[in-house]
Protein backbone atom coordinates (compact mmCIF):
# COMPACT_ATOMS: atom_id res chain seq x y z
CA MET A 1 18.58 19.29 -3.52
CA GLU A 2 20.49 21.25 -0.90
CA GLN A 3 19.81 20.61 2.78
CA GLN A 4 16.55 22.34 3.65
CA GLN A 5 16.06 24.18 6.93
CA ARG A 6 13.03 23.96 9.16
CA PRO A 7 11.39 27.04 10.73
CA ASP A 8 13.13 26.08 14.01
CA ASP A 9 16.51 25.85 12.17
CA LYS A 10 16.51 22.07 12.49
CA PRO A 11 17.59 20.42 9.20
CA LEU A 12 15.36 17.91 7.51
CA SER A 13 16.05 14.25 8.17
CA ALA A 14 18.30 12.70 5.53
CA TRP A 15 15.61 10.24 4.44
CA LEU A 16 13.01 13.00 4.07
CA THR A 17 15.43 15.09 2.03
CA GLN A 18 15.88 12.13 -0.32
CA GLU A 19 12.14 11.45 -0.66
CA LEU A 20 11.39 15.10 -1.43
CA ASP A 21 14.28 15.47 -3.86
CA GLY A 22 13.19 16.00 -7.43
CA PHE A 23 9.97 17.80 -6.60
CA ARG A 24 8.69 19.87 -9.46
CA PHE A 25 6.93 22.91 -8.07
CA HIS A 26 7.06 25.97 -10.29
CA ASP A 27 7.47 28.28 -7.29
CA ALA A 28 10.45 27.91 -4.95
CA ARG A 29 8.30 29.15 -2.07
CA LEU A 30 5.91 26.23 -2.58
CA ALA A 31 8.87 23.85 -2.55
CA ARG A 32 10.13 25.26 0.76
CA ARG A 33 6.66 25.12 2.29
CA PHE A 34 6.30 21.52 1.13
CA CYS A 35 9.53 20.53 2.90
CA GLU A 36 8.53 22.34 6.10
CA LEU A 37 5.04 20.88 6.09
CA ALA A 38 6.18 17.30 5.46
CA ALA A 39 8.65 17.56 8.36
CA GLN A 40 6.00 19.01 10.67
CA LEU A 41 3.55 16.22 9.86
CA TRP A 42 6.29 13.60 10.37
CA ASP A 43 7.24 15.06 13.76
CA ASN A 44 3.57 15.04 14.79
CA LEU A 45 2.36 11.87 13.15
CA GLY A 46 -1.38 11.35 13.37
CA GLN A 47 -2.07 14.83 14.75
CA SER A 48 -4.19 17.57 13.21
CA ILE A 49 -2.67 20.24 10.97
CA PRO A 50 -3.02 23.01 13.62
CA LEU A 51 -1.25 20.85 16.22
CA ALA A 52 1.50 19.90 13.78
CA CYS A 53 2.04 23.52 12.70
CA GLN A 54 1.78 24.94 16.26
CA ASP A 55 0.84 28.52 15.34
CA TRP A 56 -1.68 30.31 13.14
CA ALA A 57 0.90 31.55 10.62
CA ASN A 58 2.18 28.06 9.81
CA THR A 59 -1.33 26.58 9.92
CA LYS A 60 -2.62 29.19 7.48
CA ALA A 61 0.36 28.56 5.21
CA ALA A 62 -0.42 24.82 5.27
CA TYR A 63 -4.04 25.40 4.31
CA ARG A 64 -2.93 27.67 1.46
CA PHE A 65 -0.46 25.04 0.27
CA PHE A 66 -3.10 22.30 0.09
CA SER A 67 -5.56 24.58 -1.75
CA ASN A 68 -3.01 26.05 -4.19
CA ASP A 69 -3.88 25.36 -7.84
CA HIS A 70 -0.19 24.65 -8.60
CA VAL A 71 -0.01 21.86 -6.00
CA SER A 72 -1.03 18.36 -7.06
CA GLU A 73 -0.46 14.81 -5.92
CA GLY A 74 1.89 14.32 -8.87
CA ALA A 75 4.15 17.17 -7.76
CA ILE A 76 4.09 16.00 -4.14
CA LEU A 77 4.94 12.37 -4.95
CA ASP A 78 7.42 13.03 -7.74
CA GLY A 79 10.47 12.80 -5.47
CA HIS A 80 9.19 9.64 -3.80
CA PHE A 81 8.57 7.98 -7.17
CA HIS A 82 12.13 8.85 -8.19
CA SER A 83 13.47 7.32 -4.95
CA THR A 84 11.37 4.19 -5.53
CA LYS A 85 12.94 3.86 -8.97
CA GLU A 86 16.45 4.12 -7.45
CA ARG A 87 15.70 1.53 -4.76
CA PHE A 88 14.25 -0.77 -7.43
CA ALA A 89 17.37 -0.38 -9.59
CA ALA A 90 19.55 -1.32 -6.59
CA THR A 91 17.84 -4.73 -6.28
CA ASN A 92 18.26 -7.87 -8.35
CA GLY A 93 15.76 -10.38 -9.61
CA SER A 94 11.98 -10.21 -9.55
CA VAL A 95 10.14 -7.45 -7.70
CA LEU A 96 6.44 -7.51 -6.82
CA VAL A 97 4.16 -4.57 -7.62
CA LEU A 98 1.08 -4.83 -5.39
CA HIS A 99 -2.09 -3.12 -6.61
CA ASP A 100 -5.18 -2.37 -4.54
CA THR A 101 -7.93 0.19 -4.00
CA THR A 102 -8.98 1.76 -0.70
CA THR A 103 -11.60 4.31 0.30
CA PHE A 104 -11.11 7.24 2.67
CA THR A 105 -14.41 8.20 4.28
CA PHE A 106 -15.07 11.62 5.83
CA GLN A 107 -17.96 13.01 7.85
CA ARG A 108 -19.31 16.14 6.21
CA ASP A 109 -22.70 17.87 6.30
CA ASP A 110 -22.38 18.59 2.58
CA PRO A 111 -20.76 15.65 0.72
CA GLN A 112 -20.59 17.34 -2.69
CA PRO A 113 -17.23 19.19 -2.29
CA VAL A 114 -15.55 15.89 -1.41
CA GLY A 115 -17.51 13.40 -3.51
CA ILE A 116 -19.67 10.37 -2.84
CA THR A 117 -18.37 6.83 -2.46
CA HIS A 118 -21.48 4.80 -1.62
CA LYS A 119 -24.89 4.85 0.02
CA THR A 120 -25.61 3.55 3.48
CA TYR A 121 -28.83 2.93 5.36
CA GLY A 122 -29.16 3.79 9.02
CA GLY A 123 -32.02 4.78 11.30
CA LYS A 124 -35.67 5.12 10.38
CA ASP A 125 -37.90 8.05 9.55
CA GLU A 126 -41.26 8.81 11.16
CA HIS A 127 -42.94 6.26 8.88
CA GLY A 128 -40.57 3.45 9.89
CA ARG A 129 -38.65 3.44 6.62
CA HIS A 130 -34.88 3.12 6.59
CA GLN A 131 -33.14 6.38 5.74
CA ALA A 132 -30.47 6.41 3.03
CA ARG A 133 -27.58 8.82 3.13
CA ALA A 134 -24.57 9.28 0.90
CA MET A 135 -21.11 8.69 2.35
CA CYS A 136 -18.53 11.16 1.11
CA GLY A 137 -14.95 10.24 0.53
CA ILE A 138 -12.04 9.69 -1.85
CA LEU A 139 -10.91 6.50 -3.53
CA MET A 140 -7.22 5.74 -3.99
CA HIS A 141 -5.72 3.05 -6.19
CA SER A 142 -2.09 2.53 -5.24
CA SER A 143 0.76 0.39 -6.54
CA LEU A 144 3.32 -0.57 -3.91
CA THR A 145 6.67 -2.08 -4.91
CA VAL A 146 8.06 -4.75 -2.56
CA THR A 147 10.84 -7.31 -2.71
CA PRO A 148 10.00 -11.04 -2.56
CA GLU A 149 11.14 -10.87 1.09
CA GLY A 150 8.46 -8.25 1.81
CA LEU A 151 10.58 -5.09 2.07
CA PRO A 152 8.59 -2.11 0.67
CA LEU A 153 10.63 -0.11 -1.85
CA GLY A 154 7.99 2.59 -2.27
CA LEU A 155 5.01 3.56 -4.38
CA ALA A 156 5.27 3.29 -8.15
CA ALA A 157 1.89 4.82 -9.03
CA VAL A 158 -1.13 6.35 -7.29
CA LYS A 159 -4.51 7.32 -8.72
CA PHE A 160 -7.13 9.35 -6.80
CA TRP A 161 -10.72 9.99 -7.75
CA SER A 162 -14.09 10.80 -6.21
CA ARG A 163 -17.66 10.52 -7.40
CA GLN A 164 -19.90 13.53 -7.66
CA LYS A 165 -22.93 11.26 -7.91
CA PHE A 166 -23.55 7.70 -6.80
CA LYS A 167 -23.68 5.59 -9.94
CA GLY A 168 -25.89 2.72 -8.80
CA CYS A 169 -23.71 0.10 -10.50
CA THR A 170 -25.58 -2.84 -8.99
CA ALA A 171 -28.88 -1.72 -10.50
CA LEU A 172 -27.17 -1.00 -13.83
CA LYS A 173 -25.92 -4.59 -14.09
CA ARG A 174 -29.51 -5.82 -14.32
CA HIS A 175 -29.87 -4.09 -17.68
CA VAL A 176 -26.33 -4.05 -19.14
CA ASN A 177 -23.84 -6.89 -19.45
CA PRO A 178 -20.67 -5.47 -17.84
CA THR A 179 -18.39 -7.52 -20.10
CA ARG A 180 -19.70 -5.65 -23.14
CA VAL A 181 -18.94 -2.20 -21.72
CA PRO A 182 -15.58 -0.77 -22.92
CA ILE A 183 -12.94 -0.75 -20.19
CA GLU A 184 -12.42 2.99 -20.78
CA ALA A 185 -15.98 3.61 -19.55
CA LYS A 186 -15.44 1.79 -16.25
CA GLU A 187 -13.65 2.66 -13.04
CA SER A 188 -11.68 -0.56 -13.67
CA ILE A 189 -9.52 1.46 -16.05
CA ARG A 190 -7.54 2.43 -12.94
CA TRP A 191 -5.90 -1.01 -12.97
CA LEU A 192 -4.62 -0.46 -16.49
CA ASP A 193 -3.52 3.12 -15.78
CA ASN A 194 -1.41 2.10 -12.80
CA LEU A 195 0.01 -0.85 -14.69
CA ARG A 196 1.23 1.49 -17.44
CA ARG A 197 2.58 4.12 -15.04
CA SER A 198 4.41 1.74 -12.71
CA THR A 199 5.94 -0.15 -15.64
CA ALA A 200 7.11 3.10 -17.25
CA LEU A 201 8.61 4.33 -13.97
CA LEU A 202 10.63 1.22 -13.17
CA HIS A 203 12.02 0.75 -16.72
CA ALA A 204 12.43 -3.02 -16.31
CA PRO A 205 9.08 -4.64 -17.17
CA GLU A 206 10.54 -8.14 -17.32
CA ARG A 207 11.48 -7.96 -13.61
CA CYS A 208 8.03 -6.82 -12.41
CA ILE A 209 5.24 -9.14 -11.28
CA HIS A 210 2.02 -7.19 -10.86
CA ILE A 211 -0.21 -8.72 -8.18
CA GLY A 212 -3.90 -8.03 -7.59
CA ASP A 213 -6.93 -9.51 -5.88
CA ARG A 214 -10.10 -10.77 -7.56
CA GLU A 215 -11.05 -7.24 -8.58
CA SER A 216 -8.06 -7.25 -10.95
CA ASP A 217 -9.34 -10.28 -12.89
CA ILE A 218 -9.66 -8.19 -16.07
CA TYR A 219 -8.88 -9.60 -19.50
CA GLU A 220 -7.79 -6.20 -20.78
CA LEU A 221 -5.17 -6.10 -18.02
CA PHE A 222 -3.78 -9.46 -19.13
CA CYS A 223 -3.46 -8.20 -22.70
CA LEU A 224 -1.84 -4.93 -21.63
CA ALA A 225 0.74 -6.76 -19.52
CA HIS A 226 1.55 -8.91 -22.55
CA GLN A 227 1.99 -5.78 -24.70
CA LEU A 228 4.25 -4.09 -22.14
CA GLY A 229 6.41 -7.18 -21.69
CA THR A 230 5.69 -7.43 -17.98
CA HIS A 231 4.12 -10.16 -15.80
CA PHE A 232 1.06 -10.54 -13.59
CA LEU A 233 -0.33 -12.80 -10.88
CA VAL A 234 -3.97 -12.29 -9.94
CA ARG A 235 -6.61 -14.19 -8.03
CA THR A 236 -9.29 -15.09 -10.52
CA CYS A 237 -13.02 -14.90 -9.90
CA VAL A 238 -14.27 -15.44 -13.47
CA ASP A 239 -14.59 -18.92 -14.96
CA ARG A 240 -13.36 -17.93 -18.41
CA LEU A 241 -13.73 -19.81 -21.66
CA ALA A 242 -10.77 -22.05 -22.44
CA GLY A 243 -9.43 -24.21 -25.26
CA ASP A 244 -11.64 -23.90 -28.34
CA GLY A 245 -14.41 -22.17 -26.40
CA ASP A 246 -16.49 -25.27 -25.76
CA HIS A 247 -15.53 -25.49 -22.07
CA THR A 248 -14.18 -23.33 -19.24
CA ILE A 249 -11.05 -23.15 -17.10
CA ALA A 250 -12.83 -24.94 -14.27
CA ASP A 251 -13.64 -27.84 -16.60
CA GLU A 252 -9.98 -28.25 -17.48
CA MET A 253 -8.76 -27.96 -13.89
CA GLU A 254 -11.17 -30.68 -12.75
CA GLU A 255 -9.19 -33.13 -14.86
CA VAL A 256 -5.81 -32.10 -13.43
CA ARG A 257 -4.44 -34.41 -10.76
CA VAL A 258 -2.96 -33.18 -7.49
CA LYS A 259 0.73 -32.38 -8.09
CA GLY A 260 1.78 -31.75 -4.51
CA LYS A 261 0.77 -30.53 -1.09
CA HIS A 262 1.89 -27.52 0.91
CA ARG A 263 1.57 -26.56 4.57
CA VAL A 264 0.65 -22.97 5.40
CA GLU A 265 0.04 -21.14 8.67
CA VAL A 266 -3.38 -19.48 8.91
CA ARG A 267 -5.33 -17.55 11.53
CA ASP A 268 -8.97 -18.11 12.39
CA ARG A 269 -11.50 -15.39 13.26
CA ARG A 270 -10.19 -15.24 16.83
CA GLY A 271 -6.57 -14.87 15.78
CA ASN A 272 -5.55 -18.42 16.64
CA VAL A 273 -2.75 -19.82 14.46
CA SER A 274 -3.07 -23.26 12.91
CA THR A 275 -1.54 -25.22 10.04
CA ALA A 276 -3.50 -25.95 6.90
CA VAL A 277 -2.60 -28.43 4.18
CA VAL A 278 -3.52 -27.36 0.64
CA GLU A 279 -3.52 -29.48 -2.50
CA LEU A 280 -1.74 -27.96 -5.49
CA ARG A 281 -2.89 -28.20 -9.08
CA PHE A 282 -1.47 -26.22 -11.97
CA LYS A 283 -1.76 -26.27 -15.74
CA ARG A 284 -0.99 -24.15 -18.80
CA VAL A 285 -4.33 -23.19 -20.39
CA HIS A 286 -5.45 -21.39 -23.57
CA VAL A 287 -7.78 -18.62 -22.32
CA LEU A 288 -10.30 -16.81 -24.53
CA PRO A 289 -11.51 -13.21 -24.11
CA PRO A 290 -15.14 -12.48 -23.18
CA ILE A 291 -17.60 -13.26 -25.99
CA GLY A 292 -18.41 -9.61 -26.62
CA LYS A 293 -14.74 -8.68 -26.98
CA GLN A 294 -13.27 -11.58 -28.93
CA ALA A 295 -12.84 -9.40 -32.00
CA GLN A 296 -10.73 -6.89 -30.04
CA TYR A 297 -8.44 -9.06 -27.93
CA PRO A 298 -6.36 -12.15 -28.72
CA LYS A 299 -6.38 -15.57 -27.09
CA LEU A 300 -3.73 -15.92 -24.36
CA THR A 301 -1.83 -18.87 -22.95
CA LEU A 302 -1.81 -18.55 -19.17
CA THR A 303 -1.05 -20.70 -16.13
CA VAL A 304 -3.74 -21.59 -13.60
CA VAL A 305 -2.57 -22.42 -10.06
CA HIS A 306 -5.22 -23.88 -7.77
CA ALA A 307 -4.54 -24.30 -4.02
CA ARG A 308 -7.41 -25.95 -2.20
CA GLU A 309 -7.86 -27.17 1.37
CA ARG A 310 -9.94 -30.27 1.86
CA GLY A 311 -12.65 -30.40 4.54
CA LYS A 312 -14.18 -27.67 6.68
CA PRO A 313 -11.76 -26.28 9.29
CA LYS A 314 -13.12 -25.00 12.58
CA GLY A 315 -13.44 -21.25 13.02
CA ARG A 316 -12.55 -20.20 9.46
CA ASP A 317 -13.30 -20.75 5.82
CA PRO A 318 -11.24 -23.34 3.93
CA ILE A 319 -8.45 -22.03 1.70
CA ASP A 320 -9.44 -21.99 -1.96
CA TRP A 321 -7.12 -19.88 -4.10
CA LYS A 322 -7.39 -19.83 -7.87
CA LEU A 323 -4.51 -17.84 -9.32
CA LEU A 324 -3.91 -16.81 -12.91
CA THR A 325 -0.50 -15.80 -14.24
CA ASP A 326 1.41 -15.49 -17.48
CA LEU A 327 4.49 -17.05 -15.82
CA PRO A 328 5.24 -20.72 -16.41
CA VAL A 329 4.71 -23.14 -13.52
CA THR A 330 6.07 -26.64 -14.08
CA THR A 331 7.04 -27.83 -10.60
CA ARG A 332 5.65 -27.87 -7.07
CA THR A 333 8.40 -25.45 -5.99
CA GLU A 334 7.37 -22.89 -8.61
CA ALA A 335 3.71 -23.24 -7.61
CA ILE A 336 4.58 -22.62 -3.94
CA GLU A 337 6.61 -19.58 -4.99
CA LYS A 338 3.55 -18.08 -6.72
CA LEU A 339 1.42 -18.74 -3.62
CA ARG A 340 3.97 -16.94 -1.44
CA TRP A 341 4.08 -14.01 -3.83
CA TYR A 342 0.32 -13.67 -3.77
CA ALA A 343 0.29 -13.98 0.04
CA LEU A 344 2.42 -10.81 0.14
CA ARG A 345 -0.52 -8.89 -1.33
CA TRP A 346 -1.77 -8.20 2.20
CA LYS A 347 1.15 -5.79 2.62
CA ILE A 348 -0.57 -3.13 0.55
CA GLU A 349 -3.57 -3.45 2.84
CA THR A 350 -1.21 -2.90 5.76
CA PHE A 351 0.07 0.22 4.00
CA HIS A 352 -3.49 1.51 3.71
CA LYS A 353 -4.06 0.71 7.39
CA ILE A 354 -1.06 2.85 8.34
CA LEU A 355 -2.54 5.74 6.38
CA LYS A 356 -5.87 5.43 8.18
CA SER A 357 -4.91 4.34 11.70
CA GLY A 358 -1.38 5.71 12.08
CA CYS A 359 -1.57 8.92 10.04
CA LYS A 360 -5.32 9.26 10.76
CA VAL A 361 -6.08 10.69 7.35
CA GLU A 362 -9.84 10.25 7.77
CA GLN A 363 -9.88 12.64 10.74
CA SER A 364 -8.82 15.57 8.57
CA LYS A 365 -11.25 18.50 8.38
CA LEU A 366 -10.13 19.83 4.99
CA ARG A 367 -13.26 20.65 3.02
CA THR A 368 -12.62 19.76 -0.62
CA ALA A 369 -11.45 16.69 -2.48
CA GLU A 370 -8.49 18.55 -4.00
CA ARG A 371 -7.10 19.57 -0.59
CA LEU A 372 -7.67 16.11 0.88
CA VAL A 373 -5.89 14.43 -2.04
CA ASN A 374 -2.83 16.64 -1.53
CA LEU A 375 -2.81 15.81 2.18
CA ILE A 376 -3.12 12.08 1.51
CA ALA A 377 -0.24 12.31 -0.99
CA VAL A 378 2.04 13.77 1.70
CA TYR A 379 0.98 11.07 4.15
CA CYS A 380 1.72 8.38 1.54
CA ILE A 381 5.41 9.24 1.88
CA LEU A 382 5.27 9.15 5.68
CA ALA A 383 3.26 5.92 5.78
CA TRP A 384 5.77 4.23 3.48
CA ARG A 385 8.58 5.24 5.84
CA ILE A 386 6.82 3.65 8.85
CA PHE A 387 6.20 0.47 6.86
CA TRP A 388 9.80 0.43 5.65
CA MET A 389 11.17 0.73 9.18
CA THR A 390 8.93 -2.10 10.38
CA MET A 391 10.07 -4.47 7.64
CA MET A 392 13.73 -3.41 7.84
CA GLN A 393 13.79 -4.68 11.43
CA ARG A 394 13.02 -8.13 10.03
CA ALA A 395 14.81 -8.15 6.68
CA ALA A 396 18.04 -6.13 6.78
CA ASP A 397 20.54 -7.26 9.39
CA ALA A 398 23.53 -5.73 7.62
CA ALA A 399 22.17 -2.14 7.44
CA THR A 400 23.61 0.51 9.73
CA ALA A 401 21.47 2.54 12.13
CA SER A 402 22.45 5.80 10.42
CA VAL A 403 20.13 5.02 7.48
CA ALA A 404 17.12 5.54 9.78
CA PHE A 405 18.28 7.49 12.85
CA THR A 406 20.34 10.57 13.64
CA ALA A 407 23.15 10.44 16.19
CA THR A 408 20.92 12.21 18.72
CA GLU A 409 18.10 9.73 18.22
CA MET A 410 20.47 6.77 18.66
CA ALA A 411 21.90 8.29 21.85
CA LEU A 412 18.40 8.82 23.24
CA LEU A 413 17.34 5.28 22.38
CA ASP A 414 20.46 3.90 24.07
CA ARG A 415 19.59 5.92 27.15
CA LEU A 416 15.89 5.10 27.22
CA VAL A 417 15.87 1.40 26.29
CA ARG A 418 18.46 -0.86 27.86
CA HIS A 419 18.20 -3.68 25.34
CA ALA A 420 21.27 -5.80 24.71
CA PRO A 421 22.02 -6.51 21.02
CA GLU A 422 21.84 -10.07 19.80
CA LYS A 423 25.04 -12.05 19.47
CA GLY A 424 26.82 -11.58 16.18
CA GLN A 425 25.31 -8.16 15.44
CA PRO A 426 27.95 -5.50 14.75
CA ALA A 427 27.93 -2.26 16.74
CA GLY A 428 25.73 0.42 15.22
CA SER A 429 23.58 -1.98 13.18
CA LEU A 430 20.03 -0.97 12.39
CA SER A 431 18.02 -3.89 13.78
CA PRO A 432 18.73 -3.28 17.52
CA TYR A 433 17.74 0.38 17.25
CA LEU A 434 14.51 -0.45 15.46
CA LEU A 435 13.80 -2.94 18.24
CA LYS A 436 14.44 -0.23 20.83
CA LEU A 437 12.09 2.08 18.96
CA ALA A 438 9.40 -0.62 19.06
CA CYS A 439 9.97 -1.08 22.81
CA LEU A 440 9.47 2.66 23.22
CA GLY A 441 6.08 2.14 21.56
CA GLY A 442 5.05 -0.69 23.88
CA TYR A 443 6.67 -3.78 22.37
CA LEU A 444 7.67 -6.24 25.12
CA ALA A 445 10.44 -8.06 23.22
CA ARG A 446 9.82 -11.39 24.91
CA SER A 447 11.54 -14.45 23.50
CA ARG A 448 8.38 -15.87 21.92
CA ASP A 449 6.87 -12.59 20.72
CA PRO A 450 6.50 -12.11 16.96
CA PRO A 451 8.50 -9.29 15.33
CA PRO A 452 7.21 -5.77 16.14
CA GLY A 453 4.47 -4.43 13.92
CA ASN A 454 3.54 -1.05 12.50
CA ILE A 455 1.44 0.08 15.48
CA VAL A 456 4.26 -0.08 18.04
CA MET A 457 6.59 1.46 15.46
CA TRP A 458 4.50 4.59 14.93
CA ARG A 459 3.86 4.86 18.68
CA GLY A 460 7.59 4.68 19.25
CA LEU A 461 8.24 7.33 16.61
CA VAL A 462 5.76 9.72 18.21
CA ARG A 463 7.29 9.22 21.66
CA LEU A 464 10.85 9.57 20.35
CA THR A 465 9.96 12.83 18.61
CA ASP A 466 8.47 14.28 21.80
CA ILE A 467 11.46 13.15 23.87
CA GLU A 468 13.91 14.61 21.36
CA LEU A 469 12.04 17.93 21.43
CA GLY A 470 12.26 18.03 25.22
CA PHE A 471 15.94 17.12 25.06
CA MET A 472 16.73 19.94 22.62
CA VAL A 473 14.80 22.48 24.73
CA ALA A 474 16.66 21.34 27.85
CA ILE A 475 20.01 21.84 26.10
CA GLU A 476 18.97 25.30 24.94
CA VAL A 477 17.76 26.33 28.41
CA MET A 478 20.30 24.58 30.62
CA GLY A 479 23.26 24.34 28.26
CA ASN A 480 25.52 21.38 27.80
């Protein structure tokens, strides 16, 4: 894609050009508007569409873009998916694909154009009865690709949906056994859809380890991963039948002796850090499908990894992780590796937090689900970039600053933040400039401070954008 120009004749950032490359809009005017709009939202991260667009003409064009029938989340994210595939191909070894679902909630007088996520009870009527009201919103199931070191490579699949009517699933479970309902009739099908799409995108199923929380403990997902030739690691919540069907997984694990211990750092409810010691048990187990589906799905041989903390620690719940994977685990080292992989699952929750707190998606006033989905898709690209910059500061010492900053931005950071580079770092490396950006966002950079997080990064980005705008105006008015 040739270098796109902004309305103010400022070229798009190199990274944004790459992430938008490969877009598949049928109209070239939509493609140009997409590039302009993405750049405007990046320069005004977390601000409303009118503030980002600055004038009525651009604001109106943005609204028309989001409501255009030819614009979809697939077209918006196509270039980013392609870039994710390229970054994945440039790595070696195993890569983690983190799956999770989040809900975007919006305040609307009429929830129907957006959709309903759940019911809530608040306040009382004149008779003293609690009033129920439907919360409108959009659900998003995303699949984020990260390296074992925690560097986010990008999204591999995203699925959006909303409910036109609250289903009352809890009441339905009293009358219908959920295990006998076909997976195609459940919202859980989203786990299988994203597994297929992410595996097809990356073209190397044997390198992918798909990781999910207890909601992903779905037997159909295990079978699909086996069919696709890929791997999974999920936290189990179902005590499934094992062996010949006369006992369960829990029964077998009770007979397994402790095969090692591992120290992990944990935080209590007040944020205090402490060290916990967990006992490790692992065993290869023959797992049976649910009784109502044994004619449809085969028996699988899986590995159970159980990490359990003895006693009752003060201020928090004891650690009790029961993980299920198709990968072999024969040593304590391999068991610890699987625990560390699963611990990285929180990174997709951090990605969702950036969307909500940094990009402030839930403050949007767009009126329909279709428009909101298109907006969220654009912000997915921007949120990934913030997350990537945060993790690059910790993981990539050899990268040069030019992969994230322009020459003007580096000159401004050098002028604004007098922070000496660490010994041994070459001139122009990325890490010092990311640290300066964090300092611009309020990071103190004391010797015992943890690495900067996403909040100070997006604050620094917003400040740097404003400063750069003032700098360019000063040059235009005053000259060099």
